[in-house]
Amino acid sequence: MTALEQILAKLRKELAGVFVSTDIVGMDGLSIAGGSIDPAFDATAASARFATVAKLGKEISEKLQLGEMDDLLITTDQVYIIQRLIGDGSYYWGLAVSKDATLGMVRLLMKEYVGEIWKAIPK
């Protein structure tokens, strides 16, 4: 298991009960690490599609001069999906949790882990 996979496994334990999926994705839409509780989940498709969302979020906040993007929240009838840019913005981190999750706690954990994740990404 790589350092990056170990960090994501540790996070997954902290989110036990509400964790759905997570991926670390390059802005090219290719996932470099992640996993889901659903073996049928298509991480390849999700990573590629959500890369577009991450790029747009960053672009919109810059063009409208709203400040640096912290995270994006996508809410469905089943899950919360939070996206956060990592390091120099060449990667994003997507995390899906059930609607039973406490969003403040999920965001806090993401802020705690994002530095470790950036350091563990092979560059």
C-alpha atoms as a PDB file:
ATOM      1  CA  MET A   1       0.000   0.000   0.000  1.00  0.00           C
ATOM      2  CA  THR A   2       1.418   3.410  -0.989  1.00  0.00           C
ATOM      3  CA  ALA A   3       1.669   6.316   1.453  1.00  0.00           C
ATOM      4  CA  LEU A   4      -1.242   7.974  -0.334  1.00  0.00           C
ATOM      5  CA  GLU A   5      -3.400   4.850  -0.024  1.00  0.00           C
ATOM      6  CA  GLN A   6      -2.504   4.607   3.679  1.00  0.00           C
ATOM      7  CA  ILE A   7      -3.642   8.177   4.283  1.00  0.00           C
ATOM      8  CA  LEU A   8      -6.951   7.538   2.498  1.00  0.00           C
ATOM      9  CA  ALA A   9      -7.456   4.309   4.479  1.00  0.00           C
ATOM     10  CA  LYS A  10      -6.918   6.237   7.732  1.00  0.00           C
ATOM     11  CA  LEU A  11      -9.455   8.869   6.645  1.00  0.00           C
ATOM     12  CA  ARG A  12     -11.917   6.161   5.667  1.00  0.00           C
ATOM     13  CA  LYS A  13     -11.711   4.734   9.215  1.00  0.00           C
ATOM     14  CA  GLU A  14     -12.389   8.170  10.694  1.00  0.00           C
ATOM     15  CA  LEU A  15     -15.469   8.474   8.496  1.00  0.00           C
ATOM     16  CA  ALA A  16     -16.735   4.963   9.226  1.00  0.00           C
ATOM     17  CA  GLY A  17     -20.477   4.787   8.793  1.00  0.00           C
ATOM     18  CA  VAL A  18     -20.730   7.787   6.450  1.00  0.00           C
ATOM     19  CA  PHE A  19     -17.901   7.136   3.961  1.00  0.00           C
ATOM     20  CA  VAL A  20     -19.031   6.416   0.378  1.00  0.00           C
ATOM     21  CA  SER A  21     -16.009   7.062  -1.865  1.00  0.00           C
ATOM     22  CA  THR A  22     -12.899   9.155  -2.352  1.00  0.00           C
ATOM     23  CA  ASP A  23     -10.433   9.820  -5.145  1.00  0.00           C
ATOM     24  CA  ILE A  24      -7.316  11.882  -5.691  1.00  0.00           C
ATOM     25  CA  VAL A  25      -7.502  13.050  -9.289  1.00  0.00           C
ATOM     26  CA  GLY A  26      -5.268  14.979 -11.665  1.00  0.00           C
ATOM     27  CA  MET A  27      -6.829  17.814 -13.623  1.00  0.00           C
ATOM     28  CA  ASP A  28      -6.571  15.477 -16.608  1.00  0.00           C
ATOM     29  CA  GLY A  29      -9.396  13.497 -14.976  1.00  0.00           C
ATOM     30  CA  LEU A  30      -7.269  10.457 -14.086  1.00  0.00           C
ATOM     31  CA  SER A  31      -7.478   9.108 -10.548  1.00  0.00           C
ATOM     32  CA  ILE A  32      -4.189   8.206  -8.854  1.00  0.00           C
ATOM     33  CA  ALA A  33      -5.690   6.777  -5.644  1.00  0.00           C
ATOM     34  CA  GLY A  34      -9.052   6.187  -4.075  1.00  0.00           C
ATOM     35  CA  GLY A  35     -11.773   3.727  -3.323  1.00  0.00           C
ATOM     36  CA  SER A  36     -15.455   3.198  -2.700  1.00  0.00           C
ATOM     37  CA  ILE A  37     -17.695   1.063  -0.519  1.00  0.00           C
ATOM     38  CA  ASP A  38     -19.567   0.116  -3.699  1.00  0.00           C
ATOM     39  CA  PRO A  39     -17.593  -2.314  -5.878  1.00  0.00           C
ATOM     40  CA  ALA A  40     -19.764  -1.364  -8.877  1.00  0.00           C
ATOM     41  CA  PHE A  41     -18.898   2.349  -8.541  1.00  0.00           C
ATOM     42  CA  ASP A  42     -17.225   3.619 -11.726  1.00  0.00           C
ATOM     43  CA  ALA A  43     -14.401   5.741 -10.311  1.00  0.00           C
ATOM     44  CA  THR A  44     -12.945   6.308 -13.783  1.00  0.00           C
ATOM     45  CA  ALA A  45     -16.109   8.011 -15.035  1.00  0.00           C
ATOM     46  CA  ALA A  46     -16.627   9.952 -11.816  1.00  0.00           C
ATOM     47  CA  SER A  47     -13.024  11.213 -11.762  1.00  0.00           C
ATOM     48  CA  ALA A  48     -13.164  12.385 -15.362  1.00  0.00           C
ATOM     49  CA  ARG A  49     -16.524  14.131 -15.001  1.00  0.00           C
ATOM     50  CA  PHE A  50     -15.772  15.792 -11.679  1.00  0.00           C
ATOM     51  CA  ALA A  51     -12.428  17.138 -12.999  1.00  0.00           C
ATOM     52  CA  THR A  52     -14.522  19.444 -15.175  1.00  0.00           C
ATOM     53  CA  VAL A  53     -16.442  20.622 -12.102  1.00  0.00           C
ATOM     54  CA  ALA A  54     -13.220  21.313 -10.184  1.00  0.00           C
ATOM     55  CA  LYS A  55     -11.778  23.312 -13.091  1.00  0.00           C
ATOM     56  CA  LEU A  56     -14.983  25.338 -13.442  1.00  0.00           C
ATOM     57  CA  GLY A  57     -15.167  26.063  -9.721  1.00  0.00           C
ATOM     58  CA  LYS A  58     -11.625  27.397  -9.714  1.00  0.00           C
ATOM     59  CA  GLU A  59     -12.185  29.416 -12.899  1.00  0.00           C
ATOM     60  CA  ILE A  60     -15.446  30.955 -11.672  1.00  0.00           C
ATOM     61  CA  SER A  61     -14.011  32.021  -8.313  1.00  0.00           C
ATOM     62  CA  GLU A  62     -11.020  33.613 -10.095  1.00  0.00           C
ATOM     63  CA  LYS A  63     -13.004  35.373 -12.842  1.00  0.00           C
ATOM     64  CA  LEU A  64     -15.549  36.768 -10.407  1.00  0.00           C
ATOM     65  CA  GLN A  65     -12.749  37.691  -7.983  1.00  0.00           C
ATOM     66  CA  LEU A  66     -14.460  35.817  -5.163  1.00  0.00           C
ATOM     67  CA  GLY A  67     -11.191  34.688  -3.587  1.00  0.00           C
ATOM     68  CA  GLU A  68      -9.407  31.389  -3.656  1.00  0.00           C
ATOM     69  CA  MET A  69     -11.673  28.355  -3.867  1.00  0.00           C
ATOM     70  CA  ASP A  70     -11.801  26.397  -0.610  1.00  0.00           C
ATOM     71  CA  ASP A  71     -14.080  23.576  -1.667  1.00  0.00           C
ATOM     72  CA  LEU A  72     -17.097  22.722  -3.778  1.00  0.00           C
ATOM     73  CA  LEU A  73     -20.168  21.045  -2.352  1.00  0.00           C
ATOM     74  CA  ILE A  74     -22.479  18.960  -4.508  1.00  0.00           C
ATOM     75  CA  THR A  75     -25.596  17.657  -2.819  1.00  0.00           C
ATOM     76  CA  THR A  76     -27.720  14.828  -4.182  1.00  0.00           C
ATOM     77  CA  ASP A  77     -30.663  13.035  -2.639  1.00  0.00           C
ATOM     78  CA  GLN A  78     -28.241  10.344  -1.399  1.00  0.00           C
ATOM     79  CA  VAL A  79     -24.809  11.880  -0.775  1.00  0.00           C
ATOM     80  CA  TYR A  80     -22.716  14.969  -0.230  1.00  0.00           C
ATOM     81  CA  ILE A  81     -19.731  15.267  -2.559  1.00  0.00           C
ATOM     82  CA  ILE A  82     -16.992  17.667  -1.526  1.00  0.00           C
ATOM     83  CA  GLN A  83     -14.180  18.610  -3.879  1.00  0.00           C
ATOM     84  CA  ARG A  84     -11.032  20.378  -2.775  1.00  0.00           C
ATOM     85  CA  LEU A  85      -8.014  21.479  -4.796  1.00  0.00           C
ATOM     86  CA  ILE A  86      -4.719  20.039  -3.588  1.00  0.00           C
ATOM     87  CA  GLY A  87      -1.330  21.754  -3.419  1.00  0.00           C
ATOM     88  CA  ASP A  88      -0.627  23.788  -6.549  1.00  0.00           C
ATOM     89  CA  GLY A  89      -4.070  22.998  -7.988  1.00  0.00           C
ATOM     90  CA  SER A  90      -2.885  20.280 -10.360  1.00  0.00           C
ATOM     91  CA  TYR A  91      -4.929  17.690  -8.419  1.00  0.00           C
ATOM     92  CA  TYR A  92      -8.256  17.663  -6.681  1.00  0.00           C
ATOM     93  CA  TRP A  93      -9.637  15.496  -3.933  1.00  0.00           C
ATOM     94  CA  GLY A  94     -13.199  14.258  -4.208  1.00  0.00           C
ATOM     95  CA  LEU A  95     -14.931  12.797  -1.167  1.00  0.00           C
ATOM     96  CA  ALA A  96     -18.474  11.443  -1.084  1.00  0.00           C
ATOM     97  CA  VAL A  97     -20.228  10.844   2.225  1.00  0.00           C
ATOM     98  CA  SER A  98     -23.763   9.843   3.110  1.00  0.00           C
ATOM     99  CA  LYS A  99     -26.307  12.481   4.050  1.00  0.00           C
ATOM    100  CA  ASP A 100     -25.946  11.301   7.667  1.00  0.00           C
ATOM    101  CA  ALA A 101     -22.512  12.942   7.764  1.00  0.00           C
ATOM    102  CA  THR A 102     -21.871  16.182   9.606  1.00  0.00           C
ATOM    103  CA  LEU A 103     -20.538  18.478   6.888  1.00  0.00           C
ATOM    104  CA  GLY A 104     -18.527  20.623   9.284  1.00  0.00           C
ATOM    105  CA  MET A 105     -16.665  17.573  10.555  1.00  0.00           C
ATOM    106  CA  VAL A 106     -16.044  16.267   7.017  1.00  0.00           C
ATOM    107  CA  ARG A 107     -14.646  19.642   5.942  1.00  0.00           C
ATOM    108  CA  LEU A 108     -12.495  19.802   9.082  1.00  0.00           C
ATOM    109  CA  LEU A 109     -11.045  16.358   8.358  1.00  0.00           C
ATOM    110  CA  MET A 110     -10.351  17.324   4.756  1.00  0.00           C
ATOM    111  CA  LYS A 111      -8.458  20.428   5.911  1.00  0.00           C
ATOM    112  CA  GLU A 112      -6.453  18.264   8.323  1.00  0.00           C
ATOM    113  CA  TYR A 113      -5.554  15.666   5.682  1.00  0.00           C
ATOM    114  CA  VAL A 114      -4.983  17.799   2.582  1.00  0.00           C
ATOM    115  CA  GLY A 115      -1.369  18.661   3.446  1.00  0.00           C
ATOM    116  CA  GLU A 116      -0.470  15.013   4.059  1.00  0.00           C
ATOM    117  CA  ILE A 117      -2.131  14.015   0.805  1.00  0.00           C
ATOM    118  CA  TRP A 118      -0.224  16.641  -1.177  1.00  0.00           C
ATOM    119  CA  LYS A 119       3.086  15.454   0.289  1.00  0.00           C
ATOM    120  CA  ALA A 120       2.240  11.822  -0.583  1.00  0.00           C
ATOM    121  CA  ILE A 121       1.383  12.507  -4.231  1.00  0.00           C
ATOM    122  CA  PRO A 122       4.279  11.353  -6.441  1.00  0.00           C
ATOM    123  CA  LYS A 123       5.636  14.363  -8.327  1.00  0.00           C
END
